[in-house]
Amino acid sequence: MTVDTPYASVRQVDEQAVLDVLTEAFMNDPLACWLFPEVSERGRLQSHFYRSLLARPTAEAYLIGRGEGASVWLGPASHEEPPGAPEADQKAVFGESGARLQAVGEALTQRHPDHEPHLYLACMGVVGGRQGAGLGSAMLRHRLERADADGLAAYLEASSPRSRALYLRHGFEDLGEPVRVADSPLLWPMWRRPRP
């Protein structure tokens, strides 16, 4: 499916729009629900988490359409800490969810590849009414074409069987067994080599 819709980097768009799209897209996601079980606080905590990703030195954020989808990529610095564990001064912000967020971050850090520089798709989401319309594929194609041209691999953790299937269609492969922390949903580490 080809999607002909505007695509813009965060330098050209309002950062708040990226936060709003991701928060809405993941409001009922099993991992977000596990990390932030208090429904009345979930949106605020998610937004804070996504804001911390955007503050990373190598962060690239994109919006597609009129704010129907957003993605945040980190890298290609191979030394940058993967997202997950909140910084020490942020732990108070996350309250009881801070321990879950930290545990997931530590588990993912152990699995994050460090053998070569790569892009890291920290998160990508499409708002509910637009899921299944090809926007996720369009966002992936946009950034992966540039990664291929630059000879960069890409890494991510899929948070659902549906997103894993999408990433498999775009050349990602499972990188070992899924990750699970306590009773969390599964996360699938995935790797994609650059295409010539």
N, C-alpha and C. Protein backbone atom coordinates (compact mmCIF):
# COMPACT_ATOMS: atom_id res chain seq x y z
N MET A 1 0.85 -1.18 0.00
CA MET A 1 0.00 0.00 0.00
C MET A 1 0.89 1.24 0.00
N THR A 2 0.61 2.18 -0.87
CA THR A 2 1.35 3.43 -0.92
C THR A 2 0.52 4.51 -0.25
N VAL A 3 1.16 5.22 0.64
CA VAL A 3 0.48 6.31 1.33
C VAL A 3 1.10 7.61 0.87
N ASP A 4 0.32 8.47 0.27
CA ASP A 4 0.79 9.77 -0.19
C ASP A 4 0.31 10.80 0.81
N THR A 5 1.15 11.05 1.80
CA THR A 5 0.76 11.95 2.87
C THR A 5 1.98 12.70 3.36
N PRO A 6 1.82 13.92 3.84
CA PRO A 6 2.98 14.70 4.27
C PRO A 6 3.73 14.02 5.42
N TYR A 7 5.06 14.16 5.38
CA TYR A 7 5.93 13.58 6.39
C TYR A 7 6.92 14.65 6.78
N ALA A 8 7.05 14.94 8.07
CA ALA A 8 7.91 16.04 8.49
C ALA A 8 8.73 15.64 9.71
N SER A 9 9.97 16.15 9.76
CA SER A 9 10.80 15.90 10.93
C SER A 9 10.40 16.83 12.06
N VAL A 10 10.82 16.50 13.28
CA VAL A 10 10.44 17.28 14.44
C VAL A 10 10.98 18.71 14.37
N ARG A 11 12.03 18.92 13.60
CA ARG A 11 12.54 20.28 13.46
C ARG A 11 11.53 21.17 12.77
N GLN A 12 10.64 20.56 12.01
CA GLN A 12 9.65 21.32 11.25
C GLN A 12 8.27 21.30 11.88
N VAL A 13 8.09 20.53 12.92
CA VAL A 13 6.77 20.40 13.53
C VAL A 13 6.83 20.71 15.01
N ASP A 14 5.69 20.84 15.58
CA ASP A 14 5.56 21.09 17.00
C ASP A 14 5.85 19.81 17.78
N GLU A 15 6.81 19.88 18.70
CA GLU A 15 7.14 18.71 19.52
C GLU A 15 5.93 18.19 20.27
N GLN A 16 5.07 19.08 20.71
CA GLN A 16 3.88 18.66 21.45
C GLN A 16 2.99 17.76 20.60
N ALA A 17 2.94 18.01 19.30
CA ALA A 17 2.14 17.17 18.41
C ALA A 17 2.67 15.73 18.41
N VAL A 18 4.00 15.56 18.42
CA VAL A 18 4.59 14.23 18.48
C VAL A 18 4.20 13.55 19.79
N LEU A 19 4.31 14.28 20.89
CA LEU A 19 3.94 13.73 22.20
C LEU A 19 2.47 13.32 22.23
N ASP A 20 1.61 14.15 21.69
CA ASP A 20 0.18 13.87 21.69
C ASP A 20 -0.15 12.62 20.87
N VAL A 21 0.47 12.50 19.69
CA VAL A 21 0.21 11.33 18.84
C VAL A 21 0.66 10.06 19.53
N LEU A 22 1.88 10.05 20.07
CA LEU A 22 2.39 8.84 20.71
C LEU A 22 1.57 8.48 21.94
N THR A 23 1.21 9.48 22.73
CA THR A 23 0.41 9.21 23.92
C THR A 23 -0.93 8.58 23.54
N GLU A 24 -1.60 9.15 22.54
CA GLU A 24 -2.88 8.58 22.11
C GLU A 24 -2.69 7.19 21.51
N ALA A 25 -1.68 7.03 20.67
CA ALA A 25 -1.46 5.75 20.00
C ALA A 25 -1.21 4.61 20.98
N PHE A 26 -0.56 4.90 22.10
CA PHE A 26 -0.19 3.85 23.05
C PHE A 26 -1.03 3.84 24.33
N MET A 27 -2.09 4.62 24.37
CA MET A 27 -2.89 4.71 25.59
C MET A 27 -3.42 3.34 26.04
N ASN A 28 -3.78 2.48 25.11
CA ASN A 28 -4.31 1.15 25.46
C ASN A 28 -3.37 0.02 25.07
N ASP A 29 -2.13 0.36 24.75
CA ASP A 29 -1.13 -0.64 24.41
C ASP A 29 -0.83 -1.50 25.65
N PRO A 30 -0.73 -2.82 25.49
CA PRO A 30 -0.49 -3.67 26.66
C PRO A 30 0.75 -3.29 27.48
N LEU A 31 1.84 -2.92 26.80
CA LEU A 31 3.05 -2.55 27.55
C LEU A 31 2.84 -1.24 28.31
N ALA A 32 2.24 -0.24 27.66
CA ALA A 32 1.97 1.03 28.35
C ALA A 32 1.03 0.81 29.54
N CYS A 33 0.04 -0.06 29.37
CA CYS A 33 -0.88 -0.35 30.47
C CYS A 33 -0.16 -1.05 31.62
N TRP A 34 0.80 -1.91 31.29
CA TRP A 34 1.57 -2.59 32.33
C TRP A 34 2.52 -1.62 33.04
N LEU A 35 3.20 -0.79 32.24
CA LEU A 35 4.13 0.17 32.83
C LEU A 35 3.42 1.22 33.68
N PHE A 36 2.29 1.70 33.19
CA PHE A 36 1.55 2.78 33.84
C PHE A 36 0.11 2.32 34.11
N PRO A 37 -0.10 1.46 35.09
CA PRO A 37 -1.42 0.86 35.29
C PRO A 37 -2.51 1.83 35.73
N GLU A 38 -2.15 2.95 36.33
CA GLU A 38 -3.15 3.92 36.78
C GLU A 38 -3.63 4.73 35.58
N VAL A 39 -4.85 4.43 35.13
CA VAL A 39 -5.38 5.05 33.91
C VAL A 39 -5.36 6.57 33.98
N SER A 40 -5.69 7.13 35.13
CA SER A 40 -5.76 8.60 35.25
C SER A 40 -4.39 9.26 35.12
N GLU A 41 -3.31 8.51 35.29
CA GLU A 41 -1.96 9.05 35.20
C GLU A 41 -1.23 8.62 33.93
N ARG A 42 -1.76 7.64 33.21
CA ARG A 42 -1.04 7.04 32.10
C ARG A 42 -0.63 8.06 31.04
N GLY A 43 -1.53 8.90 30.61
CA GLY A 43 -1.21 9.87 29.57
C GLY A 43 -0.09 10.81 29.98
N ARG A 44 -0.16 11.32 31.20
CA ARG A 44 0.87 12.24 31.69
C ARG A 44 2.23 11.54 31.76
N LEU A 45 2.26 10.32 32.27
CA LEU A 45 3.52 9.59 32.41
C LEU A 45 4.09 9.21 31.05
N GLN A 46 3.23 8.78 30.14
CA GLN A 46 3.69 8.48 28.79
C GLN A 46 4.31 9.71 28.15
N SER A 47 3.63 10.83 28.23
CA SER A 47 4.13 12.07 27.64
C SER A 47 5.49 12.44 28.21
N HIS A 48 5.65 12.27 29.51
CA HIS A 48 6.94 12.56 30.13
C HIS A 48 8.02 11.63 29.59
N PHE A 49 7.69 10.35 29.44
CA PHE A 49 8.66 9.39 28.90
C PHE A 49 9.06 9.76 27.47
N TYR A 50 8.07 10.06 26.61
CA TYR A 50 8.38 10.41 25.23
C TYR A 50 9.19 11.70 25.15
N ARG A 51 8.90 12.64 26.03
CA ARG A 51 9.65 13.90 26.06
C ARG A 51 11.13 13.62 26.39
N SER A 52 11.38 12.67 27.29
CA SER A 52 12.77 12.34 27.62
C SER A 52 13.48 11.72 26.42
N LEU A 53 12.76 10.99 25.58
CA LEU A 53 13.36 10.45 24.35
C LEU A 53 13.73 11.58 23.40
N LEU A 54 12.82 12.53 23.23
CA LEU A 54 13.07 13.65 22.32
C LEU A 54 14.23 14.52 22.77
N ALA A 55 14.54 14.49 24.06
CA ALA A 55 15.64 15.30 24.60
C ALA A 55 17.01 14.66 24.35
N ARG A 56 17.04 13.42 23.90
CA ARG A 56 18.32 12.74 23.65
C ARG A 56 19.07 13.46 22.52
N PRO A 57 20.39 13.53 22.61
CA PRO A 57 21.17 14.27 21.60
C PRO A 57 20.99 13.79 20.18
N THR A 58 20.76 12.49 19.98
CA THR A 58 20.65 11.98 18.61
C THR A 58 19.20 11.70 18.20
N ALA A 59 18.23 12.22 18.95
CA ALA A 59 16.82 11.94 18.64
C ALA A 59 16.39 12.57 17.33
N GLU A 60 15.63 11.81 16.57
CA GLU A 60 14.96 12.29 15.36
C GLU A 60 13.49 11.93 15.52
N ALA A 61 12.62 12.89 15.38
CA ALA A 61 11.19 12.61 15.49
C ALA A 61 10.49 13.03 14.22
N TYR A 62 9.47 12.28 13.85
CA TYR A 62 8.73 12.54 12.61
C TYR A 62 7.24 12.44 12.86
N LEU A 63 6.51 13.25 12.13
CA LEU A 63 5.04 13.18 12.09
C LEU A 63 4.64 12.84 10.67
N ILE A 64 3.56 12.10 10.54
CA ILE A 64 3.04 11.80 9.22
C ILE A 64 1.59 12.28 9.15
N GLY A 65 1.23 12.75 7.98
CA GLY A 65 -0.13 13.26 7.77
C GLY A 65 -0.39 14.50 8.59
N ARG A 66 -1.57 14.59 9.11
CA ARG A 66 -1.95 15.72 9.96
C ARG A 66 -1.88 15.33 11.43
N GLY A 67 -0.83 14.60 11.75
CA GLY A 67 -0.67 14.13 13.12
C GLY A 67 -1.34 12.80 13.37
N GLU A 68 -1.37 11.94 12.35
CA GLU A 68 -1.97 10.61 12.53
C GLU A 68 -0.96 9.59 13.03
N GLY A 69 0.32 9.87 12.83
CA GLY A 69 1.36 8.94 13.26
C GLY A 69 2.63 9.69 13.60
N ALA A 70 3.45 9.08 14.43
CA ALA A 70 4.72 9.68 14.83
C ALA A 70 5.73 8.58 15.11
N SER A 71 7.00 8.92 14.92
CA SER A 71 8.07 7.99 15.25
C SER A 71 9.23 8.77 15.87
N VAL A 72 9.96 8.09 16.75
CA VAL A 72 11.16 8.65 17.36
C VAL A 72 12.29 7.64 17.18
N TRP A 73 13.34 8.10 16.54
CA TRP A 73 14.53 7.28 16.28
C TRP A 73 15.70 7.86 17.06
N LEU A 74 16.58 7.00 17.56
CA LEU A 74 17.81 7.42 18.22
C LEU A 74 19.00 6.87 17.45
N GLY A 75 20.05 7.62 17.44
CA GLY A 75 21.26 7.12 16.81
C GLY A 75 21.67 7.99 15.66
N PRO A 76 22.70 7.61 15.00
CA PRO A 76 23.36 6.30 15.01
C PRO A 76 24.47 6.14 16.05
N ALA A 77 24.53 6.95 17.06
CA ALA A 77 25.55 6.79 18.09
C ALA A 77 25.37 5.44 18.78
N SER A 78 26.39 4.59 18.70
CA SER A 78 26.27 3.26 19.28
C SER A 78 26.43 3.28 20.79
N HIS A 79 26.88 4.39 21.35
CA HIS A 79 27.13 4.46 22.79
C HIS A 79 25.94 5.02 23.56
N GLU A 80 24.93 5.51 22.87
CA GLU A 80 23.82 6.15 23.58
C GLU A 80 22.97 5.11 24.31
N GLU A 81 22.62 5.41 25.53
CA GLU A 81 21.82 4.52 26.37
C GLU A 81 20.44 4.32 25.76
N PRO A 82 19.99 3.05 25.65
CA PRO A 82 18.64 2.81 25.15
C PRO A 82 17.59 3.38 26.10
N PRO A 83 16.42 3.71 25.60
CA PRO A 83 15.39 4.22 26.51
C PRO A 83 14.88 3.12 27.42
N GLY A 84 14.26 3.51 28.49
CA GLY A 84 13.68 2.54 29.40
C GLY A 84 13.83 2.99 30.82
N ALA A 85 15.03 2.89 31.34
CA ALA A 85 15.25 3.26 32.74
C ALA A 85 15.27 4.78 32.87
N PRO A 86 14.43 5.33 33.74
CA PRO A 86 14.44 6.78 33.91
C PRO A 86 15.72 7.23 34.60
N GLU A 87 16.16 8.43 34.28
CA GLU A 87 17.32 8.99 34.95
C GLU A 87 16.97 9.16 36.43
N ALA A 88 18.01 9.21 37.27
CA ALA A 88 17.80 9.26 38.72
C ALA A 88 16.86 10.38 39.13
N ASP A 89 16.99 11.56 38.53
CA ASP A 89 16.14 12.68 38.93
C ASP A 89 14.72 12.56 38.39
N GLN A 90 14.47 11.62 37.49
CA GLN A 90 13.14 11.43 36.94
C GLN A 90 12.33 10.37 37.69
N LYS A 91 12.99 9.56 38.49
CA LYS A 91 12.29 8.46 39.15
C LYS A 91 11.11 8.95 39.96
N ALA A 92 11.25 10.09 40.60
CA ALA A 92 10.15 10.63 41.39
C ALA A 92 8.94 10.95 40.53
N VAL A 93 9.16 11.34 39.30
CA VAL A 93 8.07 11.69 38.39
C VAL A 93 7.19 10.47 38.10
N PHE A 94 7.78 9.30 37.99
CA PHE A 94 7.04 8.11 37.59
C PHE A 94 6.40 7.37 38.75
N GLY A 95 6.69 7.76 39.97
CA GLY A 95 6.08 7.12 41.13
C GLY A 95 6.30 5.63 41.13
N GLU A 96 5.24 4.86 41.45
CA GLU A 96 5.35 3.41 41.51
C GLU A 96 5.69 2.79 40.15
N SER A 97 5.36 3.47 39.08
CA SER A 97 5.68 2.97 37.74
C SER A 97 7.17 3.04 37.45
N GLY A 98 7.88 3.85 38.21
CA GLY A 98 9.32 4.00 38.00
C GLY A 98 10.08 2.69 38.10
N ALA A 99 9.70 1.84 39.05
CA ALA A 99 10.38 0.55 39.22
C ALA A 99 10.14 -0.35 38.01
N ARG A 100 8.92 -0.34 37.49
CA ARG A 100 8.63 -1.16 36.30
C ARG A 100 9.40 -0.63 35.09
N LEU A 101 9.38 0.67 34.93
CA LEU A 101 10.08 1.28 33.81
C LEU A 101 11.58 0.99 33.89
N GLN A 102 12.13 1.07 35.08
CA GLN A 102 13.55 0.80 35.27
C GLN A 102 13.86 -0.67 34.99
N ALA A 103 13.02 -1.59 35.44
CA ALA A 103 13.25 -3.01 35.21
C ALA A 103 13.22 -3.35 33.72
N VAL A 104 12.24 -2.79 33.00
CA VAL A 104 12.18 -3.02 31.56
C VAL A 104 13.41 -2.42 30.88
N GLY A 105 13.77 -1.21 31.28
CA GLY A 105 14.95 -0.56 30.70
C GLY A 105 16.21 -1.37 30.91
N GLU A 106 16.39 -1.92 32.10
CA GLU A 106 17.58 -2.73 32.37
C GLU A 106 17.59 -4.01 31.55
N ALA A 107 16.43 -4.67 31.43
CA ALA A 107 16.35 -5.89 30.63
C ALA A 107 16.64 -5.61 29.16
N LEU A 108 16.11 -4.49 28.65
CA LEU A 108 16.34 -4.16 27.25
C LEU A 108 17.77 -3.71 27.00
N THR A 109 18.36 -3.03 27.97
CA THR A 109 19.76 -2.59 27.83
C THR A 109 20.67 -3.81 27.68
N GLN A 110 20.38 -4.87 28.41
CA GLN A 110 21.19 -6.09 28.30
C GLN A 110 21.10 -6.71 26.91
N ARG A 111 19.99 -6.51 26.25
CA ARG A 111 19.78 -7.12 24.92
C ARG A 111 20.12 -6.18 23.77
N HIS A 112 20.25 -4.90 24.06
CA HIS A 112 20.51 -3.92 23.01
C HIS A 112 21.87 -4.20 22.38
N PRO A 113 21.93 -4.36 21.06
CA PRO A 113 23.20 -4.67 20.41
C PRO A 113 24.17 -3.49 20.48
N ASP A 114 25.43 -3.79 20.71
CA ASP A 114 26.44 -2.73 20.74
C ASP A 114 27.62 -3.04 19.82
N HIS A 115 27.41 -3.98 18.90
CA HIS A 115 28.50 -4.40 18.03
C HIS A 115 28.74 -3.48 16.84
N GLU A 116 27.81 -2.59 16.52
CA GLU A 116 28.01 -1.64 15.43
C GLU A 116 27.04 -0.48 15.57
N PRO A 117 27.41 0.69 15.05
CA PRO A 117 26.47 1.82 15.09
C PRO A 117 25.19 1.49 14.32
N HIS A 118 24.08 2.00 14.81
CA HIS A 118 22.79 1.69 14.19
C HIS A 118 21.75 2.71 14.63
N LEU A 119 20.66 2.74 13.90
CA LEU A 119 19.50 3.52 14.31
C LEU A 119 18.68 2.69 15.27
N TYR A 120 18.04 3.36 16.20
CA TYR A 120 17.19 2.67 17.17
C TYR A 120 15.81 3.29 17.09
N LEU A 121 14.85 2.51 16.65
CA LEU A 121 13.46 2.97 16.61
C LEU A 121 12.91 2.83 18.03
N ALA A 122 12.95 3.93 18.77
CA ALA A 122 12.52 3.92 20.17
C ALA A 122 11.01 3.74 20.29
N CYS A 123 10.25 4.38 19.41
CA CYS A 123 8.80 4.19 19.39
C CYS A 123 8.22 4.73 18.09
N MET A 124 7.14 4.09 17.69
CA MET A 124 6.40 4.52 16.51
C MET A 124 4.95 4.15 16.75
N GLY A 125 4.05 5.11 16.55
CA GLY A 125 2.65 4.83 16.78
C GLY A 125 1.76 5.58 15.82
N VAL A 126 0.57 5.01 15.61
CA VAL A 126 -0.45 5.60 14.75
C VAL A 126 -1.72 5.69 15.60
N VAL A 127 -2.41 6.82 15.52
CA VAL A 127 -3.63 7.00 16.31
C VAL A 127 -4.68 5.98 15.88
N GLY A 128 -5.54 5.62 16.84
CA GLY A 128 -6.49 4.54 16.67
C GLY A 128 -7.29 4.51 15.38
N GLY A 129 -7.86 5.62 15.00
CA GLY A 129 -8.70 5.66 13.82
C GLY A 129 -7.96 5.50 12.52
N ARG A 130 -6.64 5.56 12.54
CA ARG A 130 -5.84 5.47 11.32
C ARG A 130 -4.95 4.22 11.26
N GLN A 131 -5.02 3.37 12.29
CA GLN A 131 -4.23 2.15 12.27
C GLN A 131 -4.71 1.24 11.16
N GLY A 132 -3.76 0.58 10.51
CA GLY A 132 -4.10 -0.32 9.41
C GLY A 132 -4.21 0.38 8.07
N ALA A 133 -3.92 1.69 8.01
CA ALA A 133 -4.04 2.45 6.76
C ALA A 133 -2.71 2.60 6.03
N GLY A 134 -1.65 1.94 6.49
CA GLY A 134 -0.36 2.01 5.81
C GLY A 134 0.56 3.10 6.32
N LEU A 135 0.15 3.82 7.35
CA LEU A 135 0.99 4.92 7.84
C LEU A 135 2.26 4.41 8.52
N GLY A 136 2.16 3.31 9.26
CA GLY A 136 3.36 2.74 9.88
C GLY A 136 4.36 2.31 8.84
N SER A 137 3.89 1.67 7.78
CA SER A 137 4.78 1.26 6.69
C SER A 137 5.42 2.47 6.02
N ALA A 138 4.65 3.52 5.82
CA ALA A 138 5.20 4.72 5.20
C ALA A 138 6.28 5.34 6.07
N MET A 139 6.05 5.39 7.39
CA MET A 139 7.07 5.95 8.28
C MET A 139 8.33 5.11 8.26
N LEU A 140 8.18 3.79 8.28
CA LEU A 140 9.35 2.92 8.23
C LEU A 140 10.12 3.09 6.92
N ARG A 141 9.41 3.06 5.81
CA ARG A 141 10.09 3.21 4.52
C ARG A 141 10.88 4.51 4.46
N HIS A 142 10.28 5.58 4.93
CA HIS A 142 10.94 6.89 4.88
C HIS A 142 12.30 6.86 5.56
N ARG A 143 12.37 6.38 6.77
CA ARG A 143 13.64 6.43 7.51
C ARG A 143 14.57 5.29 7.12
N LEU A 144 14.03 4.12 6.80
CA LEU A 144 14.88 3.00 6.44
C LEU A 144 15.57 3.19 5.09
N GLU A 145 14.93 3.90 4.17
CA GLU A 145 15.60 4.21 2.90
C GLU A 145 16.85 5.04 3.14
N ARG A 146 16.76 6.01 4.03
CA ARG A 146 17.94 6.82 4.37
C ARG A 146 18.98 5.99 5.09
N ALA A 147 18.53 5.11 5.99
CA ALA A 147 19.47 4.23 6.70
C ALA A 147 20.23 3.35 5.71
N ASP A 148 19.50 2.79 4.75
CA ASP A 148 20.14 1.96 3.73
C ASP A 148 21.17 2.76 2.94
N ALA A 149 20.82 3.97 2.56
CA ALA A 149 21.74 4.82 1.80
C ALA A 149 23.00 5.14 2.61
N ASP A 150 22.85 5.23 3.92
CA ASP A 150 23.97 5.51 4.81
C ASP A 150 24.69 4.25 5.29
N GLY A 151 24.19 3.08 4.90
CA GLY A 151 24.79 1.83 5.33
C GLY A 151 24.58 1.51 6.80
N LEU A 152 23.47 2.01 7.38
CA LEU A 152 23.20 1.81 8.80
C LEU A 152 22.19 0.70 9.04
N ALA A 153 22.48 -0.13 10.02
CA ALA A 153 21.51 -1.12 10.49
C ALA A 153 20.48 -0.41 11.36
N ALA A 154 19.42 -1.13 11.71
CA ALA A 154 18.38 -0.56 12.58
C ALA A 154 17.97 -1.62 13.60
N TYR A 155 17.59 -1.14 14.77
CA TYR A 155 17.19 -2.01 15.88
C TYR A 155 15.92 -1.45 16.50
N LEU A 156 15.11 -2.34 17.08
CA LEU A 156 13.89 -1.94 17.79
C LEU A 156 13.44 -3.08 18.68
N GLU A 157 12.47 -2.80 19.52
CA GLU A 157 11.78 -3.84 20.27
C GLU A 157 10.29 -3.71 19.93
N ALA A 158 9.74 -4.75 19.32
CA ALA A 158 8.31 -4.76 19.00
C ALA A 158 7.53 -5.07 20.27
N SER A 159 6.46 -4.32 20.50
CA SER A 159 5.70 -4.49 21.75
C SER A 159 4.39 -5.25 21.57
N SER A 160 4.15 -5.76 20.37
CA SER A 160 2.93 -6.55 20.15
C SER A 160 3.16 -7.48 18.96
N PRO A 161 2.40 -8.57 18.87
CA PRO A 161 2.52 -9.42 17.69
C PRO A 161 2.21 -8.67 16.40
N ARG A 162 1.26 -7.74 16.45
CA ARG A 162 0.90 -6.97 15.26
C ARG A 162 2.06 -6.08 14.80
N SER A 163 2.71 -5.39 15.74
CA SER A 163 3.84 -4.54 15.33
C SER A 163 5.02 -5.41 14.89
N ARG A 164 5.22 -6.55 15.53
CA ARG A 164 6.29 -7.45 15.11
C ARG A 164 6.08 -7.88 13.66
N ALA A 165 4.85 -8.21 13.29
CA ALA A 165 4.54 -8.61 11.91
C ALA A 165 4.86 -7.48 10.94
N LEU A 166 4.53 -6.25 11.31
CA LEU A 166 4.85 -5.09 10.47
C LEU A 166 6.36 -4.99 10.26
N TYR A 167 7.11 -5.10 11.33
CA TYR A 167 8.57 -4.96 11.23
C TYR A 167 9.18 -6.11 10.43
N LEU A 168 8.64 -7.31 10.56
CA LEU A 168 9.13 -8.43 9.75
C LEU A 168 8.95 -8.14 8.27
N ARG A 169 7.82 -7.53 7.90
CA ARG A 169 7.56 -7.19 6.50
C ARG A 169 8.54 -6.16 5.96
N HIS A 170 9.18 -5.41 6.85
CA HIS A 170 10.12 -4.37 6.42
C HIS A 170 11.58 -4.77 6.63
N GLY A 171 11.83 -6.06 6.72
CA GLY A 171 13.19 -6.56 6.73
C GLY A 171 13.82 -6.77 8.09
N PHE A 172 13.09 -6.53 9.17
CA PHE A 172 13.63 -6.81 10.50
C PHE A 172 13.54 -8.30 10.76
N GLU A 173 14.47 -8.80 11.58
CA GLU A 173 14.46 -10.20 12.00
C GLU A 173 14.54 -10.24 13.52
N ASP A 174 13.98 -11.30 14.10
CA ASP A 174 14.07 -11.46 15.55
C ASP A 174 15.53 -11.56 15.95
N LEU A 175 15.86 -10.92 17.05
CA LEU A 175 17.22 -10.95 17.58
C LEU A 175 17.17 -11.66 18.93
N GLY A 176 17.17 -12.97 18.88
CA GLY A 176 17.07 -13.76 20.10
C GLY A 176 15.63 -13.93 20.55
N GLU A 177 15.50 -14.43 21.77
CA GLU A 177 14.18 -14.69 22.35
C GLU A 177 13.52 -13.39 22.80
N PRO A 178 12.19 -13.39 22.90
CA PRO A 178 11.50 -12.20 23.43
C PRO A 178 11.93 -11.92 24.86
N VAL A 179 11.74 -10.67 25.27
CA VAL A 179 12.06 -10.22 26.62
C VAL A 179 10.76 -10.09 27.41
N ARG A 180 10.78 -10.55 28.65
CA ARG A 180 9.64 -10.38 29.55
C ARG A 180 10.19 -10.07 30.93
N VAL A 181 9.62 -9.05 31.56
CA VAL A 181 9.99 -8.68 32.93
C VAL A 181 8.79 -8.97 33.81
N ALA A 182 8.97 -9.88 34.78
CA ALA A 182 7.88 -10.27 35.67
C ALA A 182 6.67 -10.69 34.83
N ASP A 183 5.53 -10.02 35.02
CA ASP A 183 4.32 -10.38 34.27
C ASP A 183 4.03 -9.41 33.13
N SER A 184 5.08 -8.75 32.64
CA SER A 184 4.90 -7.79 31.53
C SER A 184 4.54 -8.52 30.24
N PRO A 185 4.01 -7.78 29.27
CA PRO A 185 3.85 -8.35 27.93
C PRO A 185 5.23 -8.63 27.32
N LEU A 186 5.26 -9.49 26.33
CA LEU A 186 6.52 -9.79 25.64
C LEU A 186 6.97 -8.59 24.81
N LEU A 187 8.30 -8.46 24.70
CA LEU A 187 8.93 -7.49 23.80
C LEU A 187 9.89 -8.28 22.92
N TRP A 188 9.82 -8.03 21.60
CA TRP A 188 10.64 -8.76 20.65
C TRP A 188 11.77 -7.87 20.15
N PRO A 189 13.03 -8.10 20.58
CA PRO A 189 14.16 -7.37 20.01
C PRO A 189 14.30 -7.78 18.53
N MET A 190 14.51 -6.78 17.66
CA MET A 190 14.57 -7.03 16.23
C MET A 190 15.69 -6.21 15.59
N TRP A 191 16.32 -6.78 14.58
CA TRP A 191 17.47 -6.17 13.93
C TRP A 191 17.25 -6.20 12.41
N ARG A 192 17.70 -5.13 11.76
CA ARG A 192 17.61 -5.05 10.30
C ARG A 192 18.94 -4.58 9.74
N ARG A 193 19.52 -5.39 8.88
CA ARG A 193 20.76 -5.00 8.21
C ARG A 193 20.44 -4.04 7.08
N PRO A 194 21.36 -3.13 6.78
CA PRO A 194 21.10 -2.21 5.67
C PRO A 194 21.03 -2.97 4.35
N ARG A 195 20.17 -2.49 3.49
CA ARG A 195 20.02 -3.11 2.16
C ARG A 195 20.82 -2.30 1.15
N PRO A 196 21.45 -2.99 0.20
CA PRO A 196 22.25 -2.29 -0.83
C PRO A 196 21.38 -1.46 -1.77
